[in-house]
C-alpha atoms as a PDB file:
ATOM      1  CA  MET A   1      -0.066  -0.129  -0.214  1.00  0.00           C
ATOM      2  CA  ALA A   2       2.830   2.265   0.879  1.00  0.00           C
ATOM      3  CA  GLU A   3       4.598   1.564  -2.272  1.00  0.00           C
ATOM      4  CA  ALA A   4       1.543   2.331  -4.259  1.00  0.00           C
ATOM      5  CA  GLN A   5       1.129   5.635  -2.652  1.00  0.00           C
ATOM      6  CA  LYS A   6       4.702   6.594  -3.275  1.00  0.00           C
ATOM      7  CA  ARG A   7       4.149   5.998  -7.031  1.00  0.00           C
ATOM      8  CA  MET A   8       0.871   8.116  -7.233  1.00  0.00           C
ATOM      9  CA  SER A   9       1.387  11.847  -7.407  1.00  0.00           C
ATOM     10  CA  GLN A  10      -0.506  14.310  -5.105  1.00  0.00           C
ATOM     11  CA  THR A  11      -2.877  15.197  -8.049  1.00  0.00           C
ATOM     12  CA  THR A  12      -3.968  11.745  -8.712  1.00  0.00           C
ATOM     13  CA  LEU A  13      -4.798  10.994  -5.154  1.00  0.00           C
ATOM     14  CA  LYS A  14      -7.146  13.873  -5.128  1.00  0.00           C
ATOM     15  CA  ARG A  15     -10.610  13.427  -6.633  1.00  0.00           C
ATOM     16  CA  ARG A  16     -10.627  15.118 -10.231  1.00  0.00           C
ATOM     17  CA  GLN A  17     -13.158  17.801 -10.685  1.00  0.00           C
ATOM     18  CA  LYS A  18     -15.603  17.267 -13.323  1.00  0.00           C
ATOM     19  CA  PHE A  19     -17.095  20.053 -15.284  1.00  0.00           C
ATOM     20  CA  HIS A  20     -20.806  21.076 -13.607  1.00  0.00           C
ATOM     21  CA  PRO A  21     -22.733  22.801 -16.131  1.00  0.00           C
ATOM     22  CA  ARG A  22     -24.707  24.789 -13.623  1.00  0.00           C
ATOM     23  CA  ARG A  23     -21.897  25.684 -11.219  1.00  0.00           C
ATOM     24  CA  ASP A  24     -18.821  26.032 -13.308  1.00  0.00           C
ATOM     25  CA  VAL A  25     -18.001  28.525 -15.988  1.00  0.00           C
ATOM     26  CA  ARG A  26     -18.064  26.998 -19.441  1.00  0.00           C
ATOM     27  CA  PRO A  27     -14.718  26.074 -21.037  1.00  0.00           C
ATOM     28  CA  ALA A  28     -15.061  28.270 -23.883  1.00  0.00           C
ATOM     29  CA  VAL A  29     -15.474  31.225 -21.708  1.00  0.00           C
ATOM     30  CA  LEU A  30     -12.405  30.328 -19.977  1.00  0.00           C
ATOM     31  CA  LEU A  31     -10.947  30.214 -23.249  1.00  0.00           C
ATOM     32  CA  GLN A  32     -12.093  33.447 -24.380  1.00  0.00           C
ATOM     33  CA  ALA A  33     -10.963  35.072 -21.151  1.00  0.00           C
ATOM     34  CA  ASN A  34      -7.495  33.498 -21.257  1.00  0.00           C
ATOM     35  CA  ARG A  35      -7.127  34.811 -24.648  1.00  0.00           C
ATOM     36  CA  LEU A  36      -8.322  38.390 -23.835  1.00  0.00           C
ATOM     37  CA  ALA A  37      -5.815  38.312 -20.895  1.00  0.00           C
ATOM     38  CA  VAL A  38      -2.971  37.395 -23.073  1.00  0.00           C
ATOM     39  CA  ARG A  39      -3.838  40.044 -25.394  1.00  0.00           C
ATOM     40  CA  VAL A  40      -3.837  42.852 -22.884  1.00  0.00           C
ATOM     41  CA  ALA A  41      -0.745  41.538 -21.390  1.00  0.00           C
ATOM     42  CA  ALA A  42       1.066  41.707 -24.698  1.00  0.00           C
ATOM     43  CA  ILE A  43      -0.398  45.334 -25.328  1.00  0.00           C
ATOM     44  CA  VAL A  44       1.278  46.295 -22.067  1.00  0.00           C
ATOM     45  CA  ILE A  45       4.372  44.920 -22.716  1.00  0.00           C
ATOM     46  CA  VAL A  46       4.758  46.350 -26.157  1.00  0.00           C
ATOM     47  CA  ALA A  47       3.613  49.909 -24.868  1.00  0.00           C
ATOM     48  CA  PHE A  48       6.215  49.556 -21.905  1.00  0.00           C
ATOM     49  CA  LEU A  49       8.793  48.690 -24.569  1.00  0.00           C
ATOM     50  CA  ALA A  50       7.818  51.581 -26.823  1.00  0.00           C
ATOM     51  CA  VAL A  51       8.057  54.088 -23.940  1.00  0.00           C
ATOM     52  CA  VAL A  52      11.795  52.671 -23.113  1.00  0.00           C
ATOM     53  CA  ALA A  53      12.628  52.943 -26.825  1.00  0.00           C
ATOM     54  CA  LEU A  54      11.402  56.538 -27.009  1.00  0.00           C
ATOM     55  CA  GLN A  55      13.177  57.641 -23.805  1.00  0.00           C
ATOM     56  CA  LEU A  56      16.382  56.201 -25.247  1.00  0.00           C
ATOM     57  CA  ALA A  57      15.882  57.853 -28.800  1.00  0.00           C
ATOM     58  CA  PHE A  58      15.142  61.193 -27.262  1.00  0.00           C
ATOM     59  CA  GLY A  59      16.744  60.920 -23.827  1.00  0.00           C
END
């Protein structure tokens, strides 16, 4: 029994969460939110790099 528990990771010991349509957010909505977060992060990084480049050019 102890050897079997050593082979199993912590995540496999826990019960896997299943998608519940009434309680959980739909996977498509999560995917859309993740895409939006990546786009916003990319815009922020590009804006930061543009400001740094302008400061180097005119500074």
